[in-house]
Amino acid sequence: MQLKKARAALLSNYEVLSLLNEQQNIQKAQQLENPNIEYPEHLRTIQFELTEYLNNVPCSTQTPAQIKRFLEAFQKYDLTRAERLQILNLRPKSAVEIYLLIEECEERFSEEDLEGMLFHILETLPRDDDVVEEEDVEGEEMDES
């Protein structure tokens, strides 16, 4: 494979995690075939640490179908590729988080646009921890009563 432009491609955390898992499976299979193959310890450490990190962020529960729906839903917003990638990777849960990810957000988007973005994020990229947060909010409201 030849690289025509270094750093031209942007990868989502989901793609990195998939590639990392695939690479680790290949390495395990090669070591089963030939136990004399050794991989550098630093490489194994980096793979382990990165896998642990990515398994604790939103990409760990994403699927290719969800990502496709997310990208289709966000076509109507005038976002750069990097902004869409940041939203996909970080999966903001509030308008404040979106403001931090989008350059000149106030000038480019209305409050309705931001609410629409949040709706599309929750709809296309569901997470188990969304339910937990909603239950926590309800529990806090009951405690105040």
Protein backbone atom coordinates (compact mmCIF):
# COMPACT_ATOMS: atom_id res chain seq x y z
CA MET A 1 0.00 0.00 0.00
CA GLN A 2 1.24 3.47 -0.89
CA LEU A 3 0.28 6.63 0.91
CA LYS A 4 -0.35 9.48 -1.49
CA LYS A 5 -1.09 12.06 1.20
CA ALA A 6 0.15 11.56 4.71
CA ARG A 7 -2.50 12.42 7.32
CA ALA A 8 -5.21 12.91 4.71
CA ALA A 9 -7.60 10.42 6.28
CA LEU A 10 -9.46 10.98 9.51
CA LEU A 11 -10.40 7.88 11.47
CA SER A 12 -13.17 7.63 14.00
CA ASN A 13 -12.56 5.99 17.36
CA TYR A 14 -14.78 3.14 16.19
CA GLU A 15 -12.53 2.52 13.18
CA VAL A 16 -9.41 2.64 15.34
CA LEU A 17 -10.91 0.18 17.84
CA SER A 18 -11.98 -2.18 15.03
CA LEU A 19 -8.55 -2.03 13.43
CA LEU A 20 -6.84 -2.57 16.76
CA ASN A 21 -8.99 -5.61 17.59
CA GLU A 22 -8.39 -7.03 14.12
CA GLN A 23 -4.63 -6.52 14.45
CA GLN A 24 -4.53 -8.16 17.88
CA ASN A 25 -6.47 -11.19 16.56
CA ILE A 26 -3.98 -11.53 13.69
CA GLN A 27 -1.08 -11.35 16.13
CA LYS A 28 -2.62 -14.02 18.37
CA ALA A 29 -3.22 -16.32 15.40
CA GLN A 30 0.38 -15.85 14.22
CA GLN A 31 1.70 -16.65 17.68
CA LEU A 32 -0.40 -19.82 17.82
CA GLU A 33 1.06 -20.90 14.46
CA ASN A 34 4.61 -20.00 15.41
CA PRO A 35 5.26 -19.56 19.15
CA ASN A 36 8.71 -18.11 18.39
CA ILE A 37 7.18 -14.89 17.02
CA GLU A 38 7.54 -12.10 19.52
CA TYR A 39 6.09 -8.63 19.28
CA PRO A 40 7.79 -5.69 20.97
CA GLU A 41 6.59 -5.21 24.53
CA HIS A 42 6.00 -1.51 23.92
CA LEU A 43 3.67 -2.32 21.03
CA ARG A 44 1.68 -4.75 23.18
CA THR A 45 1.46 -2.17 25.98
CA ILE A 46 0.21 0.54 23.64
CA GLN A 47 -2.34 -1.82 22.10
CA PHE A 48 -3.59 -2.87 25.52
CA GLU A 49 -3.82 0.68 26.90
CA LEU A 50 -5.54 2.01 23.77
CA THR A 51 -8.02 -0.87 23.72
CA GLU A 52 -8.83 -0.29 27.40
CA TYR A 53 -9.39 3.42 26.76
CA LEU A 54 -11.54 2.93 23.64
CA ASN A 55 -13.67 0.30 25.39
CA ASN A 56 -14.71 2.99 27.89
CA VAL A 57 -15.76 5.69 25.43
CA PRO A 58 -18.84 5.96 23.17
CA CYS A 59 -17.25 4.08 20.25
CA SER A 60 -17.36 0.82 22.20
CA THR A 61 -21.12 0.52 21.64
CA GLN A 62 -21.31 1.95 18.13
CA THR A 63 -22.06 -0.12 15.06
CA PRO A 64 -21.45 0.61 11.37
CA ALA A 65 -25.21 1.01 10.85
CA GLN A 66 -25.43 3.60 13.64
CA ILE A 67 -22.49 5.53 12.22
CA LYS A 68 -24.08 5.52 8.77
CA ARG A 69 -27.39 6.84 10.18
CA PHE A 70 -25.47 9.47 12.15
CA LEU A 71 -23.62 10.70 9.05
CA GLU A 72 -26.84 10.78 7.01
CA ALA A 73 -28.64 12.74 9.73
CA PHE A 74 -25.81 15.27 9.99
CA GLN A 75 -25.56 15.95 6.24
CA LYS A 76 -28.07 18.76 6.57
CA TYR A 77 -25.80 20.67 8.95
CA ASP A 78 -22.91 22.62 7.48
CA LEU A 79 -20.17 20.95 9.54
CA THR A 80 -16.59 20.22 8.59
CA ARG A 81 -15.39 16.62 8.46
CA ALA A 82 -13.37 17.21 11.61
CA GLU A 83 -16.42 18.61 13.46
CA ARG A 84 -18.58 15.63 12.48
CA LEU A 85 -15.79 13.30 13.58
CA GLN A 86 -15.46 15.04 16.96
CA ILE A 87 -19.21 14.81 17.51
CA LEU A 88 -19.18 11.13 16.56
CA ASN A 89 -16.20 10.34 18.78
CA LEU A 90 -17.22 12.36 21.83
CA ARG A 91 -21.00 12.01 21.51
CA PRO A 92 -22.00 15.24 23.28
CA LYS A 93 -25.05 15.14 25.51
CA SER A 94 -25.69 18.87 25.87
CA ALA A 95 -25.65 22.04 23.81
CA VAL A 96 -22.66 23.28 25.82
CA GLU A 97 -20.60 20.30 24.69
CA ILE A 98 -21.59 20.94 21.07
CA TYR A 99 -20.51 24.59 21.43
CA LEU A 100 -17.07 23.36 22.44
CA LEU A 101 -16.76 21.12 19.38
CA ILE A 102 -18.02 23.44 16.65
CA GLU A 103 -16.03 26.48 15.65
CA GLU A 104 -18.05 29.72 15.75
CA CYS A 105 -21.10 27.72 16.75
CA GLU A 106 -23.23 30.70 17.83
CA GLU A 107 -22.78 32.39 14.48
CA ARG A 108 -23.33 29.29 12.36
CA PHE A 109 -26.22 27.55 14.13
CA SER A 110 -29.43 28.49 15.89
CA GLU A 111 -30.70 26.99 19.14
CA GLU A 112 -33.14 24.89 17.09
CA ASP A 113 -30.23 23.49 15.06
CA LEU A 114 -28.39 22.54 18.25
CA GLU A 115 -31.49 20.87 19.67
CA GLY A 116 -31.87 19.01 16.37
CA MET A 117 -28.25 17.88 16.56
CA LEU A 118 -28.74 16.62 20.11
CA PHE A 119 -31.89 14.79 19.05
CA HIS A 120 -30.05 13.13 16.14
CA ILE A 121 -27.15 12.16 18.40
CA LEU A 122 -29.45 10.49 20.93
CA GLU A 123 -31.49 8.85 18.18
CA THR A 124 -28.67 7.53 16.01
CA LEU A 125 -26.03 6.78 18.67
CA PRO A 126 -27.93 5.30 21.64
CA ARG A 127 -25.97 4.37 24.75
CA ASP A 128 -26.75 2.34 27.83
CA ASP A 129 -25.54 5.15 30.09
CA ASP A 130 -28.26 7.49 28.72
CA VAL A 131 -30.87 5.48 30.64
CA VAL A 132 -28.75 5.59 33.81
CA GLU A 133 -28.40 9.37 33.61
CA GLU A 134 -32.16 9.82 33.11
CA GLU A 135 -32.82 7.58 36.13
CA ASP A 136 -30.32 9.59 38.20
CA VAL A 137 -32.09 12.84 37.30
CA GLU A 138 -35.47 11.36 38.22
CA GLY A 139 -34.03 10.02 41.48
CA GLU A 140 -32.65 13.44 42.39
CA GLU A 141 -36.02 15.06 41.72
CA MET A 142 -37.71 12.57 44.06
CA ASP A 143 -35.12 13.21 46.78
CA GLU A 144 -35.85 16.94 46.66
CA SER A 145 -39.58 16.33 47.26
